Every structure is written in C-alpha cells, then in structure tokens.
Protein backbone atom coordinates (compact mmCIF):
# COMPACT_ATOMS: atom_id res chain seq x y z
CA UNK A 1 -22.31 10.01 9.58
CA UNK A 2 -19.93 7.64 7.83
CA UNK A 3 -16.38 7.14 8.99
CA UNK A 4 -15.10 8.65 5.74
CA UNK A 5 -17.09 11.82 6.27
CA UNK A 6 -15.69 12.17 9.79
CA UNK A 7 -12.15 11.87 8.39
CA UNK A 8 -12.94 14.36 5.65
CA UNK A 9 -14.37 16.94 8.03
CA UNK A 10 -11.46 16.61 10.45
CA UNK A 11 -8.90 16.94 7.67
CA UNK A 12 -10.61 20.01 6.27
CA UNK A 13 -10.68 21.61 9.71
CA UNK A 14 -7.16 20.62 10.80
CA UNK A 15 -5.38 21.40 7.53
CA UNK A 16 -7.33 24.52 6.62
CA UNK A 17 -7.69 23.13 3.10
CA UNK A 18 -10.82 23.14 1.01
CA UNK A 19 -12.93 20.02 0.62
CA UNK A 20 -11.83 19.89 -3.02
CA UNK A 21 -8.14 19.99 -2.08
CA UNK A 22 -8.54 17.32 0.61
CA UNK A 23 -10.52 15.07 -1.76
CA UNK A 24 -7.95 15.52 -4.54
CA UNK A 25 -5.11 14.61 -2.18
CA UNK A 26 -7.06 11.60 -0.89
CA UNK A 27 -7.59 10.44 -4.46
CA UNK A 28 -3.90 10.78 -5.31
CA UNK A 29 -2.89 9.01 -2.10
CA UNK A 30 -5.35 6.19 -2.64
CA UNK A 31 -4.35 5.69 -6.26
CA UNK A 32 -0.67 5.67 -5.32
CA UNK A 33 -1.33 3.03 -2.66
CA UNK A 34 -3.41 0.93 -5.04
CA UNK A 35 -0.67 1.18 -7.70
CA UNK A 36 2.01 0.10 -5.22
CA UNK A 37 -0.09 -2.83 -4.01
CA UNK A 38 -0.79 -3.92 -7.58
CA UNK A 39 2.86 -3.73 -8.61
CA UNK A 40 3.99 -5.60 -5.49
CA UNK A 41 1.43 -8.29 -6.23
CA UNK A 42 2.74 -8.62 -9.76
CA UNK A 43 6.28 -8.92 -8.44
CA UNK A 44 5.37 -11.49 -5.79
CA UNK A 45 3.53 -13.55 -8.45
CA UNK A 46 6.69 -13.43 -10.61
CA UNK A 47 4.93 -11.41 -13.32
CA UNK A 48 7.61 -8.73 -13.30
CA UNK A 49 11.28 -8.90 -12.34
CA UNK A 50 12.59 -7.54 -9.07
CA UNK A 51 14.51 -4.78 -10.84
CA UNK A 52 11.31 -3.47 -12.45
CA UNK A 53 9.45 -3.52 -9.14
CA UNK A 54 12.28 -1.58 -7.51
CA UNK A 55 12.35 0.92 -10.37
CA UNK A 56 8.60 1.52 -10.16
CA UNK A 57 7.93 1.52 -6.40
CA UNK A 58 11.32 1.60 -4.71
CA UNK A 59 13.62 -0.78 -2.90
CA UNK A 60 12.13 -0.13 0.54
CA UNK A 61 8.67 -1.40 -0.37
CA UNK A 62 10.05 -4.35 -2.35
CA UNK A 63 12.27 -5.43 0.55
CA UNK A 64 9.40 -5.00 3.01
CA UNK A 65 7.17 -7.21 0.84
CA UNK A 66 9.94 -9.81 0.60
CA UNK A 67 10.37 -9.89 4.39
CA UNK A 68 6.61 -10.16 4.90
CA UNK A 69 6.39 -12.99 2.37
CA UNK A 70 9.28 -14.85 4.04
CA UNK A 71 7.63 -14.48 7.46
CA UNK A 72 4.31 -15.74 6.11
CA UNK A 73 5.97 -18.75 4.48
CA UNK A 74 7.76 -19.54 7.75
CA UNK A 75 4.43 -19.39 9.58
CA UNK A 76 2.80 -21.71 7.04
CA UNK A 77 5.69 -24.18 7.29
CA UNK A 78 5.50 -24.09 11.09
CA UNK A 79 1.74 -24.64 11.00
CA UNK A 80 2.09 -27.63 8.67
CA UNK A 81 4.44 -29.33 11.13
CA UNK A 82 1.80 -29.41 13.88
C-alpha cells in the first residue's frame, strides 16, 4: 500500500469524512500550497513586488521566505570563505 493511501485511509477514519470529502480537501490544500510556493518564488526572483506578494499570500509567509533566503545567503557566504 502506498504512503498516500495510508494517509487517506487514516484521515477518512479519524475525521469521519467520506473519501470524496478528504480528497477534495487534499486537493484544495495542495493547490493552495503550490500557489503559495509559486508566488513566493516569483517574489524571490524579483518578478513581482513585495507588496503584491504580501497581498496575495500574506506578510507572514513573505517574511518567513525573506528570513530563509537571508539565512541561506549567509551560509553560502560562510562556505565561500573556507
């Protein structure tokens, strides 16, 4: 049995929702995550302004992405010094 099927069966059992409802929610959740990732990527590549990214996905995710980018750049700079 695939990992996805195990998750699906457990969610159906634990939430008392139908397979259709669980699958629909999974689809919405996955699409939302993909959309957020795509928009953050566009922002980090300077394809859209910060204000637009904040408007679309929210300040919390934009600030998190900025902190992660800064940490990654610090790590790269540190590694180049070695």
